[in-house]
């Protein structure tokens, strides 16, 4: 319940026309991407690739000795 209104019943939304929402989503997905959207997509892919590489390095480091970083004064 949200603000006293039932929003899910047996796992199904009660206040959303699911068929209409899915049709609206499908219609939006049929429209070609704009140039800025394509650019954002490419940026996202590059960022995700970089994040995977950083995480892979962190996982490899975690398998070795624990890292106990010092301070600038050490």
Protein backbone atom coordinates (compact mmCIF):
# COMPACT_ATOMS: atom_id res chain seq x y z
CA UNK A 1 0.00 0.00 0.00
CA UNK A 2 1.10 3.54 -0.76
CA UNK A 3 -0.78 6.38 0.90
CA UNK A 4 -3.60 3.96 1.70
CA UNK A 5 -4.02 2.74 -1.89
CA UNK A 6 -3.42 -0.85 -2.94
CA UNK A 7 -0.80 -0.81 -5.70
CA UNK A 8 -0.05 -4.55 -5.97
CA UNK A 9 -2.40 -7.49 -5.65
CA UNK A 10 -0.97 -10.99 -6.00
CA UNK A 11 2.19 -9.46 -7.48
CA UNK A 12 0.34 -7.59 -10.24
CA UNK A 13 0.02 -3.80 -10.40
CA UNK A 14 -3.49 -2.53 -9.69
CA UNK A 15 -3.14 1.10 -10.82
CA UNK A 16 -1.19 0.67 -14.06
CA UNK A 17 -2.59 -0.48 -17.39
CA UNK A 18 0.26 -2.89 -18.10
CA UNK A 19 -0.72 -3.49 -21.74
CA UNK A 20 -0.84 0.26 -22.44
CA UNK A 21 2.46 0.85 -20.65
CA UNK A 22 4.16 -1.90 -22.65
CA UNK A 23 2.75 -0.54 -25.91
CA UNK A 24 4.01 2.95 -25.07
CA UNK A 25 7.45 1.53 -24.28
CA UNK A 26 7.48 -0.45 -27.54
CA UNK A 27 6.50 2.67 -29.51
CA UNK A 28 9.32 4.65 -27.91
CA UNK A 29 11.81 1.88 -28.69
CA UNK A 30 10.83 1.92 -32.39
CA UNK A 31 11.99 5.53 -32.77
CA UNK A 32 15.62 5.80 -33.95
CA UNK A 33 18.11 7.23 -31.48
CA UNK A 34 19.13 10.85 -31.86
CA UNK A 35 22.80 11.76 -32.33
CA UNK A 36 23.20 12.76 -28.64
CA UNK A 37 21.53 9.51 -27.55
CA UNK A 38 23.93 7.51 -29.73
CA UNK A 39 26.85 9.42 -28.21
CA UNK A 40 25.58 8.75 -24.69
CA UNK A 41 25.22 5.07 -25.55
CA UNK A 42 28.85 4.90 -26.74
CA UNK A 43 30.03 6.73 -23.63
CA UNK A 44 28.13 4.25 -21.47
CA UNK A 45 29.72 1.29 -23.23
CA UNK A 46 33.23 2.70 -22.82
CA UNK A 47 32.57 3.56 -19.18
CA UNK A 48 31.24 0.05 -18.47
CA UNK A 49 34.27 -1.51 -20.17
CA UNK A 50 36.59 0.61 -18.02
CA UNK A 51 34.65 -0.23 -14.84
CA UNK A 52 34.88 -3.96 -15.61
CA UNK A 53 38.64 -3.65 -16.06
CA UNK A 54 39.04 -1.77 -12.77
CA UNK A 55 36.90 -4.30 -10.92
CA UNK A 56 38.86 -7.20 -12.43
CA UNK A 57 42.09 -5.60 -11.16
CA UNK A 58 40.54 -5.19 -7.71
CA UNK A 59 39.47 -8.86 -7.63
CA UNK A 60 42.98 -9.99 -8.59
CA UNK A 61 44.49 -7.75 -5.91
CA UNK A 62 42.08 -9.15 -3.32
CA UNK A 63 43.47 -12.63 -3.92
CA UNK A 64 46.96 -11.57 -2.88
CA UNK A 65 48.20 -10.01 0.32
CA UNK A 66 45.88 -7.59 2.09
CA UNK A 67 46.54 -3.95 1.28
CA UNK A 68 47.21 -1.73 4.22
CA UNK A 69 47.76 1.71 2.79
CA UNK A 70 49.92 4.15 4.66
CA UNK A 71 49.62 7.87 4.91
CA UNK A 72 51.56 10.56 3.12
CA UNK A 73 53.82 10.79 6.18
CA UNK A 74 54.96 7.13 6.02
